Every structure is written in C-alpha cells, then in structure tokens.
C-alpha cells in the first residue's frame, strides 16, 4: 500500500503521527529524509562515529609519525622524543602520555594525504569530500543512510564549531543538518544549543503552538503534496520540541563524579598563545560519551587551532596538554562501558606539517597535505596497529596511502553503508561524498 506523507499527515490526529510512515520501508524513509533508524546495507562493525577534529593541522612528526634517530642526533623534523607503548609497541610522542596509555586501542594511519594545503579548502574536503563547493557533511550522509537510534535527539551533533560547513546537510533534507552546540570554547550548558530552552511558555502551551504551526503546514501540503523541504521543516520543528526534554538533561554533567570530571580535565586551564585561558575540550569529550550512550549517530568534537606557524614548540605542547587526557578518558570510558567496539573514534585534522628546517632556529612550521596522520579506535578496526608510511623526512605518504575519499569510504563501510553507492539526486545527477572518483575501502585496517 502506497501512502503519501500528505495523506498520512491528514489522517493523523497526534503531533507525532507522521512518524508512522517509517514503518512502510527503509527506502521510503530514506527518500523522505527522516531520522528513523534503518538497517545497514551490509553487516556493520560500528553503530556510531565520534570524530575528534583537530583544526589547523597537527604536526605528525611530533605526535604519531616517528622517524628514527640518525646517529646521535634526533631527526631534524621532530622536536619531541618518542617512546614505544603497550604490547603493540606503538611509537607515540612524549607530549601525549595519557593517549599513549591507550596505544593498544589505536589504529594509526600514517599514509594520509589530501589535495591542498589551503586550510579552508582542505577542511571542507575533510568534512564533505569537496574542497570548493558546499556539500553535505559526513555526519549528514551517515544519518541520511542510517537514521538515528534516539528520536528525541539529533542524529548528528557538532560540538564547539562556528563553521557551518562542518555540520551542513547542503542539498540533503535539512533534518540531516548537524546541531551545533557551543562556539569557540563556550561552556557546554543547556544554553549552548541556541533557543533550545525557553521559559516564557509552559511545555503544554509550546505543544499547542507547534500543533497550530503543523496545521498550517498540513494545509500547505494539501496544495503541494511533493514538498520535501517543507516536510523537513515539519520534522525539524518536532525534533526541536522533543529536544527540550532530552537535551538539557544530557548537557547537565552535574551527575558525573568528581573523579570523572578530573579525568576529563573539566574546568581546568590550558596555556596557549602565551596566556592561560579556560579550556572546554574535556567537557566536549565527556558530552561526546554521553551523546554516544544516548544513541546519537555522529558526534564531532572540535579543537583548534593547531595552525602553528610560529612558536611551534610552545603551541604544540599547549594543544597536546589540552587534548591528551580528555581523549584518553573518552577511550577508556567507552571501553569500560562496552561501547568502544561499536563506536568508531576518529582523530585528525585537515592536513599535517613539515618538520622544522634543519639548522634553522625559527621555530615555525608550514602546511603539508602530502603526508600526515590520522588514527582510529574501536568500531571494527585493528588495535595497536600502524597502517601507511611517509618517506624518511615525513614530507609525503609513500605506503598505505589514504586520501580523504578513502577515509570517507572506509568509515561508511564500517557503518554498514555502501561506500560509493550512497547517493542523492541533485541538480540533474547523483552525488556522493566520495566524489566522481570514488573512494577505496581500506580493508587492511579491519580487525
């Protein structure tokens, strides 16, 4: 039986009645662009993604891409010593002692490369697959393909970002837009979701108000039965209403123990750019764990800036200090709560950095898109493993090369989605995040 969304809205009395359409079949649900949970196309290794985005380009030679010493002198590109950690013997910088304790959970990707060393373009390509035009973000593609596990929360949440390209659904239905929470380090309180809580009306009055808006939308739909944009607006309004009861509770971390807050470094300060200022990265990582537990499909946590052209040593250490313990706490908590195996954690930025010039005391670095490092953990990837390699100077990837297209294809595959066949018809042709070239699923890193 074919039932249009217009007919369903007309025949349903309650505010959430249109969600019944989800039961018809997955294909209709995808076409309509809602967030109903859908079965993966093939067995999934991960149910959700937490992307730890290090904006600005982390220096791979000072974090995870160890270059052996030559004679008695350290490799000129690195400014910090490395040690081997865990049973796997992964080489990790001394700047990341807490993350190093999680070495046996990491799958380090040292063969990453991208098309450009321009920040804005490479950052856009990392998130959307396209470096020049506005396209749906990876989180939007994943919720488009799979929906989400919790209908009272967004499928895609982006913490601490002011760049709409990070969470935009572009031409996908707007219900797949990421929900931004907090901007530039502001405290992740309930007020950090813009306009989510309003005290001027009781919840019952808000419900009546929304039902009145829906009635007007229903009248419009009767005249325009095929209006996907309006359908997405209706869904977004309903989701916004439901979030008023669910989101504030998740954002309230007062129920967490003091020991937990200390492990995540919540409320501590970090020395950066010569000053001491509050850092909220620990709170973001803690919220990422809470959102993962609540069934959010894609969570992005942003930290910047790793754009260390000058004062490389000082700012690199400040960034590592701010992110090291919270990331380790997140990995440990996911493991202890039985979530890591079904959660794919991804760490990286839009490109890397060349090593410091030998004999040059300028203490500054540039951009390097030809070879840099990501790592993954959980979600069906090998643990305590290194894939890929840069040349002896760390300047370019030479083995196990992974482009952003391959990264996207691999993530989609781990989530149970067809890497190059998840498409959306727009402007006369099918679009996909892996672009016209397509991406390669890097099965070599699968456990």
Protein backbone atom coordinates (compact mmCIF):
# COMPACT_ATOMS: atom_id res chain seq x y z
CA UNK A 1 0.00 0.00 0.00
CA UNK A 2 1.46 3.35 -1.07
CA UNK A 3 0.72 6.12 1.40
CA UNK A 4 1.85 9.67 0.73
CA UNK A 5 3.17 11.79 3.54
CA UNK A 6 0.38 14.29 2.83
CA UNK A 7 -2.27 11.60 3.32
CA UNK A 8 -0.60 10.40 6.49
CA UNK A 9 -0.47 13.91 7.93
CA UNK A 10 -4.12 14.47 7.06
CA UNK A 11 -5.28 11.24 8.66
CA UNK A 12 -3.27 11.53 11.87
CA UNK A 13 -4.53 13.36 14.93
CA UNK A 14 -1.47 13.34 17.17
CA UNK A 15 1.60 15.50 16.75
CA UNK A 16 3.95 12.59 16.09
CA UNK A 17 1.64 10.64 13.77
CA UNK A 18 3.63 11.26 10.63
CA UNK A 19 6.49 9.20 12.08
CA UNK A 20 4.38 6.10 11.42
CA UNK A 21 5.45 6.36 7.80
CA UNK A 22 8.81 4.99 8.86
CA UNK A 23 7.28 1.54 9.21
CA UNK A 24 6.48 1.27 5.49
CA UNK A 25 10.03 0.51 4.40
CA UNK A 26 13.61 1.76 4.57
CA UNK A 27 13.68 3.03 1.01
CA UNK A 28 10.71 5.34 1.51
CA UNK A 29 12.20 6.54 4.78
CA UNK A 30 15.47 7.43 3.08
CA UNK A 31 13.70 9.17 0.22
CA UNK A 32 11.65 11.27 2.60
CA UNK A 33 14.72 12.23 4.57
CA UNK A 34 13.64 11.44 8.13
CA UNK A 35 15.73 10.16 11.05
CA UNK A 36 14.06 6.80 11.61
CA UNK A 37 16.61 4.10 12.38
CA UNK A 38 17.27 1.93 9.33
CA UNK A 39 19.06 -1.35 8.82
CA UNK A 40 22.56 -1.11 7.31
CA UNK A 41 23.10 -2.36 3.77
CA UNK A 42 25.64 -4.92 5.00
CA UNK A 43 26.77 -6.08 8.47
CA UNK A 44 28.06 -3.02 10.32
CA UNK A 45 31.16 -3.03 12.51
CA UNK A 46 30.23 0.31 14.13
CA UNK A 47 26.95 1.90 15.17
CA UNK A 48 28.19 5.45 15.62
CA UNK A 49 31.14 7.77 14.99
CA UNK A 50 32.93 10.21 17.27
CA UNK A 51 35.17 12.47 15.18
CA UNK A 52 37.85 14.30 17.16
CA UNK A 53 38.64 17.12 14.74
CA UNK A 54 41.97 18.85 15.36
CA UNK A 55 41.51 22.00 13.32
CA UNK A 56 44.61 23.63 11.86
CA UNK A 57 46.79 20.63 11.01
CA UNK A 58 48.51 18.62 13.79
CA UNK A 59 52.24 18.07 13.31
CA UNK A 60 52.51 14.34 12.58
CA UNK A 61 56.26 14.23 13.25
CA UNK A 62 55.65 15.40 16.83
CA UNK A 63 52.67 13.17 17.62
CA UNK A 64 52.35 9.76 15.93
CA UNK A 65 54.73 9.55 12.93
CA UNK A 66 58.04 8.55 14.50
CA UNK A 67 61.20 8.92 12.43
CA UNK A 68 64.17 7.01 13.88
CA UNK A 69 67.20 8.93 15.01
CA UNK A 70 70.15 9.22 12.71
CA UNK A 71 73.33 8.52 14.63
CA UNK A 72 73.33 10.51 17.88
CA UNK A 73 71.16 13.32 16.57
CA UNK A 74 67.35 13.29 16.63
CA UNK A 75 65.60 13.54 13.31
CA UNK A 76 65.58 17.25 12.40
CA UNK A 77 61.85 17.28 11.70
CA UNK A 78 60.79 16.30 15.21
CA UNK A 79 61.04 18.48 18.31
CA UNK A 80 59.93 15.87 20.86
CA UNK A 81 61.12 12.41 21.86
CA UNK A 82 59.05 9.30 21.15
CA UNK A 83 58.70 6.06 23.07
CA UNK A 84 57.11 2.71 22.36
CA UNK A 85 53.95 1.91 24.31
CA UNK A 86 51.72 -1.04 25.12
CA UNK A 87 52.06 -4.61 23.98
CA UNK A 88 51.85 -3.37 20.40
CA UNK A 89 54.91 -1.15 20.79
CA UNK A 90 53.31 1.83 19.05
CA UNK A 91 55.59 4.86 18.86
CA UNK A 92 53.87 7.89 20.40
CA UNK A 93 55.27 11.31 21.31
CA UNK A 94 56.08 12.14 24.93
CA UNK A 95 53.71 15.10 24.51
CA UNK A 96 50.80 12.64 24.69
CA UNK A 97 51.46 10.47 27.76
CA UNK A 98 47.78 9.72 28.54
CA UNK A 99 46.89 8.85 24.96
CA UNK A 100 49.99 6.64 24.93
CA UNK A 101 48.38 4.54 27.67
CA UNK A 102 45.68 3.73 25.11
CA UNK A 103 48.21 2.66 22.47
CA UNK A 104 46.84 -0.87 22.21
CA UNK A 105 43.46 0.54 21.17
CA UNK A 106 44.76 2.80 18.37
CA UNK A 107 44.96 2.15 14.65
CA UNK A 108 47.42 4.78 13.40
CA UNK A 109 47.11 5.89 9.75
CA UNK A 110 50.42 7.42 8.71
CA UNK A 111 49.71 7.50 4.97
CA UNK A 112 47.05 10.20 4.84
CA UNK A 113 47.13 12.79 2.05
CA UNK A 114 44.82 15.47 0.64
CA UNK A 115 44.56 17.68 -2.44
CA UNK A 116 45.57 21.04 -1.00
CA UNK A 117 47.42 22.72 1.83
CA UNK A 118 44.93 25.60 1.99
CA UNK A 119 43.12 25.48 5.33
CA UNK A 120 39.57 26.34 4.25
CA UNK A 121 39.59 24.09 1.19
CA UNK A 122 41.14 21.07 2.87
CA UNK A 123 38.91 21.45 5.93
CA UNK A 124 35.88 21.47 3.63
CA UNK A 125 37.17 18.42 1.77
CA UNK A 126 37.77 16.57 5.03
CA UNK A 127 34.15 17.11 6.04
CA UNK A 128 32.30 16.96 2.73
CA UNK A 129 34.58 15.38 0.12
CA UNK A 130 34.61 18.59 -1.94
CA UNK A 131 37.10 21.39 -1.42
CA UNK A 132 35.35 24.12 -3.42
CA UNK A 133 31.56 23.83 -3.07
CA UNK A 134 29.08 23.43 -0.25
CA UNK A 135 28.23 19.75 0.05
CA UNK A 136 26.67 17.53 2.75
CA UNK A 137 28.93 16.77 5.67
CA UNK A 138 29.96 13.20 6.52
CA UNK A 139 27.67 13.18 9.56
CA UNK A 140 24.74 14.20 7.34
CA UNK A 141 25.45 11.39 4.88
CA UNK A 142 25.56 8.85 7.70
CA UNK A 143 22.24 9.93 9.22
CA UNK A 144 20.76 10.04 5.71
CA UNK A 145 21.74 6.41 5.25
CA UNK A 146 21.07 5.06 8.75
CA UNK A 147 18.84 7.47 10.64
CA UNK A 148 19.49 7.58 14.36
CA UNK A 149 18.82 5.47 17.43
CA UNK A 150 17.17 8.18 19.53
CA UNK A 151 14.26 10.08 18.00
CA UNK A 152 14.42 12.69 20.78
CA UNK A 153 17.89 13.85 19.81
CA UNK A 154 19.56 14.93 16.56
CA UNK A 155 21.33 12.21 14.61
CA UNK A 156 24.34 14.49 14.15
CA UNK A 157 25.82 16.83 16.78
CA UNK A 158 28.79 19.15 16.29
CA UNK A 159 30.46 20.45 19.44
CA UNK A 160 32.35 23.75 19.51
CA UNK A 161 32.31 25.00 15.95
CA UNK A 162 31.42 28.21 14.17
CA UNK A 163 31.92 26.78 10.65
CA UNK A 164 28.62 25.75 9.10
CA UNK A 165 30.46 23.57 6.56
CA UNK A 166 31.26 21.20 9.42
CA UNK A 167 27.64 20.30 10.02
CA UNK A 168 25.71 21.36 6.91
CA UNK A 169 23.41 18.91 5.13
CA UNK A 170 23.59 21.12 1.99
CA UNK A 171 21.19 19.59 -0.57
CA UNK A 172 20.23 16.64 1.64
CA UNK A 173 16.96 17.12 3.58
CA UNK A 174 17.52 19.66 6.33
CA UNK A 175 16.64 17.16 9.06
CA UNK A 176 20.16 15.80 8.46
CA UNK A 177 21.81 19.10 9.41
CA UNK A 178 24.11 18.72 12.36
CA UNK A 179 23.08 20.51 15.54
CA UNK A 180 25.88 22.86 16.68
CA UNK A 181 26.44 23.05 20.42
CA UNK A 182 28.80 25.70 21.79
CA UNK A 183 31.03 28.01 19.81
CA UNK A 184 34.73 28.70 20.31
CA UNK A 185 35.07 27.09 23.70
CA UNK A 186 31.94 28.41 25.41
CA UNK A 187 30.70 26.24 28.23
CA UNK A 188 28.55 23.37 27.00
CA UNK A 189 25.47 24.25 29.06
CA UNK A 190 21.85 23.85 28.04
CA UNK A 191 22.03 27.41 26.72
CA UNK A 192 24.74 26.32 24.28
CA UNK A 193 22.04 24.91 21.98
CA UNK A 194 20.64 28.10 20.59
CA UNK A 195 17.00 28.67 21.57
CA UNK A 196 16.51 25.09 22.78
CA UNK A 197 15.08 26.18 26.13
CA UNK A 198 12.51 28.94 26.52
CA UNK A 199 10.88 29.66 29.85
CA UNK A 200 8.23 32.10 28.67
CA UNK A 201 5.71 29.32 27.95
CA UNK A 202 4.93 26.02 29.66
CA UNK A 203 5.62 22.86 27.67
CA UNK A 204 1.90 22.21 27.11
CA UNK A 205 1.48 25.64 25.53
CA UNK A 206 4.50 25.06 23.30
CA UNK A 207 2.93 21.79 22.20
CA UNK A 208 -0.30 23.58 21.22
CA UNK A 209 1.72 26.25 19.44
CA UNK A 210 3.60 23.65 17.43
CA UNK A 211 0.39 21.79 16.58
CA UNK A 212 -1.06 25.05 15.25
CA UNK A 213 2.01 25.52 13.02
CA UNK A 214 1.68 21.93 11.85
CA UNK A 215 -1.96 22.51 10.94
CA UNK A 216 -0.93 25.39 8.68
CA UNK A 217 1.83 23.26 7.19
CA UNK A 218 -0.70 20.47 6.57
CA UNK A 219 -2.93 22.87 4.68
CA UNK A 220 0.03 23.90 2.55
CA UNK A 221 0.99 20.27 1.93
CA UNK A 222 -2.53 19.54 0.70
CA UNK A 223 -1.88 22.01 -2.10
CA UNK A 224 1.73 20.95 -2.66
CA UNK A 225 1.90 17.20 -1.91
CA UNK A 226 5.51 16.85 -3.04
CA UNK A 227 7.41 19.37 -0.94
CA UNK A 228 10.40 17.70 0.68
CA UNK A 229 11.75 20.95 2.08
CA UNK A 230 8.55 21.63 3.97
CA UNK A 231 8.50 18.03 5.20
CA UNK A 232 11.99 18.54 6.62
CA UNK A 233 10.92 21.75 8.34
CA UNK A 234 8.00 19.92 9.97
CA UNK A 235 10.33 17.19 11.19
CA UNK A 236 12.83 19.73 12.48
CA UNK A 237 10.13 21.52 14.46
CA UNK A 238 9.01 18.25 16.03
CA UNK A 239 12.59 17.29 16.84
CA UNK A 240 13.22 20.70 18.39
CA UNK A 241 10.21 20.23 20.64
CA UNK A 242 11.31 16.77 21.75
CA UNK A 243 14.85 18.00 22.39
CA UNK A 244 13.55 20.42 25.03
CA UNK A 245 13.04 17.50 27.38
CA UNK A 246 16.03 15.34 26.39
CA UNK A 247 18.96 17.63 25.51
CA UNK A 248 19.19 19.72 28.71
CA UNK A 249 19.49 16.60 30.85
CA UNK A 250 22.35 15.27 28.71
CA UNK A 251 24.13 18.61 28.79
CA UNK A 252 23.94 18.73 32.58
CA UNK A 253 27.05 16.90 33.80
CA UNK A 254 26.44 17.59 37.49
CA UNK A 255 25.62 13.91 37.99
CA UNK A 256 29.16 12.91 36.98
CA UNK A 257 31.58 12.14 39.80
CA UNK A 258 34.43 14.45 40.70
CA UNK A 259 36.83 11.68 39.71
CA UNK A 260 35.30 11.59 36.23
CA UNK A 261 35.44 15.37 35.85
CA UNK A 262 39.08 15.29 36.90
CA UNK A 263 39.97 12.57 34.38
CA UNK A 264 38.40 14.64 31.61
CA UNK A 265 40.09 17.81 32.97
CA UNK A 266 36.75 19.63 33.01
CA UNK A 267 37.16 23.23 34.15
CA UNK A 268 40.96 23.21 34.09
CA UNK A 269 43.01 25.77 32.20
CA UNK A 270 45.48 25.44 29.37
CA UNK A 271 48.42 27.62 28.44
CA UNK A 272 48.00 28.61 24.83
CA UNK A 273 49.36 31.51 22.75
CA UNK A 274 51.14 32.86 25.79
CA UNK A 275 48.09 33.17 28.02
CA UNK A 276 46.21 30.93 30.41
CA UNK A 277 42.53 30.56 29.49
CA UNK A 278 39.75 28.09 30.29
CA UNK A 279 39.50 25.09 28.01
CA UNK A 280 36.26 23.23 27.48
CA UNK A 281 37.67 20.35 25.44
CA UNK A 282 37.33 17.95 28.36
CA UNK A 283 33.65 18.81 28.70
CA UNK A 284 33.19 18.23 24.97
CA UNK A 285 34.73 14.75 25.21
CA UNK A 286 32.57 13.93 28.22
CA UNK A 287 29.47 15.11 26.37
CA UNK A 288 30.51 13.03 23.36
CA UNK A 289 30.47 9.95 25.58
CA UNK A 290 27.05 10.90 26.96
CA UNK A 291 25.61 11.51 23.49
CA UNK A 292 27.05 8.22 22.26
CA UNK A 293 25.36 6.43 25.16
CA UNK A 294 22.10 8.18 24.30
CA UNK A 295 22.12 6.93 20.71
CA UNK A 296 23.37 9.90 18.68
CA UNK A 297 24.73 8.57 15.40
CA UNK A 298 27.54 11.05 14.62
CA UNK A 299 29.28 13.33 17.13
CA UNK A 300 32.01 15.77 16.16
CA UNK A 301 34.30 17.32 18.77
CA UNK A 302 36.41 20.25 17.60
CA UNK A 303 39.66 21.60 18.96
CA UNK A 304 41.77 24.34 17.43
CA UNK A 305 43.90 25.76 16.45
CA UNK A 306 46.84 23.55 15.55
CA UNK A 307 47.91 26.12 12.98
CA UNK A 308 51.34 26.63 14.49
CA UNK A 309 53.35 28.68 12.04
CA UNK A 310 55.34 30.38 14.78
CA UNK A 311 56.09 29.35 18.37
CA UNK A 312 55.68 25.78 17.23
CA UNK A 313 57.08 24.12 20.35
CA UNK A 314 55.06 26.20 22.81
CA UNK A 315 51.72 25.98 20.99
CA UNK A 316 52.14 22.32 20.10
CA UNK A 317 52.66 21.49 23.77
CA UNK A 318 49.65 23.61 24.79
CA UNK A 319 47.40 21.81 22.31
CA UNK A 320 48.65 18.40 23.40
CA UNK A 321 48.19 19.34 27.07
CA UNK A 322 44.60 20.42 26.41
CA UNK A 323 43.55 17.32 24.44
CA UNK A 324 45.66 14.42 25.73
CA UNK A 325 43.91 13.49 28.99
CA UNK A 326 40.31 14.08 27.77
CA UNK A 327 40.83 11.88 24.71
CA UNK A 328 42.36 9.13 26.83
CA UNK A 329 39.46 9.39 29.30
CA UNK A 330 36.96 9.13 26.44
CA UNK A 331 38.59 5.99 25.03
CA UNK A 332 38.84 4.42 28.48
CA UNK A 333 35.21 5.20 29.35
CA UNK A 334 33.90 3.84 26.03
CA UNK A 335 35.87 0.65 26.67
CA UNK A 336 34.69 0.21 30.26
CA UNK A 337 31.07 0.81 29.29
CA UNK A 338 31.19 -1.72 26.47
CA UNK A 339 30.75 0.97 23.80
CA UNK A 340 34.14 1.11 22.11
CA UNK A 341 33.66 -2.00 19.97
CA UNK A 342 30.58 -0.41 18.38
CA UNK A 343 31.85 3.18 18.34
CA UNK A 344 34.36 4.33 15.73
CA UNK A 345 36.56 7.09 17.16
CA UNK A 346 38.48 9.10 14.53
CA UNK A 347 41.23 11.68 15.24
CA UNK A 348 42.84 14.07 12.75
CA UNK A 349 42.88 17.45 11.01
CA UNK A 350 42.77 18.89 7.50
CA UNK A 351 46.47 18.18 6.86
CA UNK A 352 49.79 17.88 8.65
CA UNK A 353 53.01 19.87 8.98
CA UNK A 354 56.52 19.52 7.64
CA UNK A 355 59.32 19.13 10.16
CA UNK A 356 61.35 22.08 11.36
CA UNK A 357 64.11 23.01 8.94
CA UNK A 358 67.47 21.52 9.99
CA UNK A 359 69.76 24.16 11.47
CA UNK A 360 67.00 26.75 11.43
CA UNK A 361 66.01 28.20 14.80
CA UNK A 362 62.88 30.00 13.58
CA UNK A 363 60.62 27.53 15.45
CA UNK A 364 57.85 27.66 12.85
CA UNK A 365 56.19 25.17 10.54
CA UNK A 366 54.10 25.29 7.39
CA UNK A 367 51.39 23.14 5.81
CA UNK A 368 51.78 19.63 4.47
CA UNK A 369 48.92 17.90 2.65
CA UNK A 370 51.13 15.26 1.03
CA UNK A 371 51.63 13.13 4.11
CA UNK A 372 50.10 13.27 7.60
CA UNK A 373 48.48 11.17 10.32
CA UNK A 374 45.01 10.17 11.45
CA UNK A 375 44.12 7.46 13.92
CA UNK A 376 41.03 5.38 14.59
CA UNK A 377 39.94 3.29 17.54
CA UNK A 378 37.13 0.81 18.17
CA UNK A 379 34.43 0.25 15.56
CA UNK A 380 35.97 -2.83 13.95
CA UNK A 381 39.49 -1.55 13.20
CA UNK A 382 42.74 -3.23 14.18
CA UNK A 383 44.03 -2.25 17.61
CA UNK A 384 47.68 -1.46 18.29
CA UNK A 385 48.28 -1.23 14.55
CA UNK A 386 50.08 1.15 12.17
CA UNK A 387 48.96 1.44 8.56
CA UNK A 388 50.81 3.51 5.99
CA UNK A 389 54.13 5.29 5.96
CA UNK A 390 55.68 8.60 4.98
CA UNK A 391 59.11 9.00 3.42
CA UNK A 392 62.18 9.43 5.70
CA UNK A 393 61.54 13.17 6.14
CA UNK A 394 57.79 12.78 6.72
CA UNK A 395 57.09 15.01 3.74
CA UNK A 396 54.83 12.69 1.75
CA UNK A 397 52.91 9.45 2.07
CA UNK A 398 54.62 6.58 0.26
CA UNK A 399 52.91 3.41 1.57
CA UNK A 400 49.34 2.63 2.55
CA UNK A 401 48.18 5.94 1.12
CA UNK A 402 44.71 7.11 2.13
CA UNK A 403 43.01 10.11 0.58
CA UNK A 404 40.02 11.74 2.31
CA UNK A 405 37.86 9.88 -0.25
CA UNK A 406 39.27 6.60 1.06
CA UNK A 407 38.77 7.71 4.66
CA UNK A 408 35.12 8.50 3.95
CA UNK A 409 34.58 5.24 2.07
CA UNK A 410 36.16 3.26 4.90
CA UNK A 411 34.06 4.97 7.58
CA UNK A 412 30.84 4.43 5.60
CA UNK A 413 31.70 0.75 5.10
CA UNK A 414 32.40 0.26 8.80
CA UNK A 415 28.97 1.75 9.49
CA UNK A 416 27.35 -0.76 7.14
CA UNK A 417 26.76 1.69 4.28
CA UNK A 418 27.73 1.19 0.62
CA UNK A 419 30.87 3.28 0.27
CA UNK A 420 30.30 4.53 -3.27
CA UNK A 421 26.60 3.79 -3.73
CA UNK A 422 25.12 6.04 -1.05
CA UNK A 423 23.87 8.79 -3.36
CA UNK A 424 21.38 11.63 -3.58
CA UNK A 425 19.90 13.06 -6.76
CA UNK A 426 20.56 16.79 -7.03
CA UNK A 427 20.91 19.23 -9.93
CA UNK A 428 20.44 16.55 -12.54
CA UNK A 429 22.79 13.86 -11.26
CA UNK A 430 23.61 11.58 -8.38
CA UNK A 431 26.03 12.92 -5.75
CA UNK A 432 28.09 11.01 -3.18
CA UNK A 433 30.64 12.03 -0.56
CA UNK A 434 33.41 10.07 -2.29
CA UNK A 435 33.03 12.21 -5.43
CA UNK A 436 33.24 11.16 -9.08
CA UNK A 437 36.48 9.27 -8.45
CA UNK A 438 35.02 7.16 -5.66
CA UNK A 439 36.89 6.04 -2.57
CA UNK A 440 38.65 2.80 -1.69
CA UNK A 441 37.55 0.88 1.39
CA UNK A 442 40.82 0.21 3.21
CA UNK A 443 40.06 -3.30 4.44
CA UNK A 444 43.68 -3.76 5.57
CA UNK A 445 42.86 -1.92 8.80
CA UNK A 446 39.81 -4.05 9.64
CA UNK A 447 40.09 -6.34 12.66
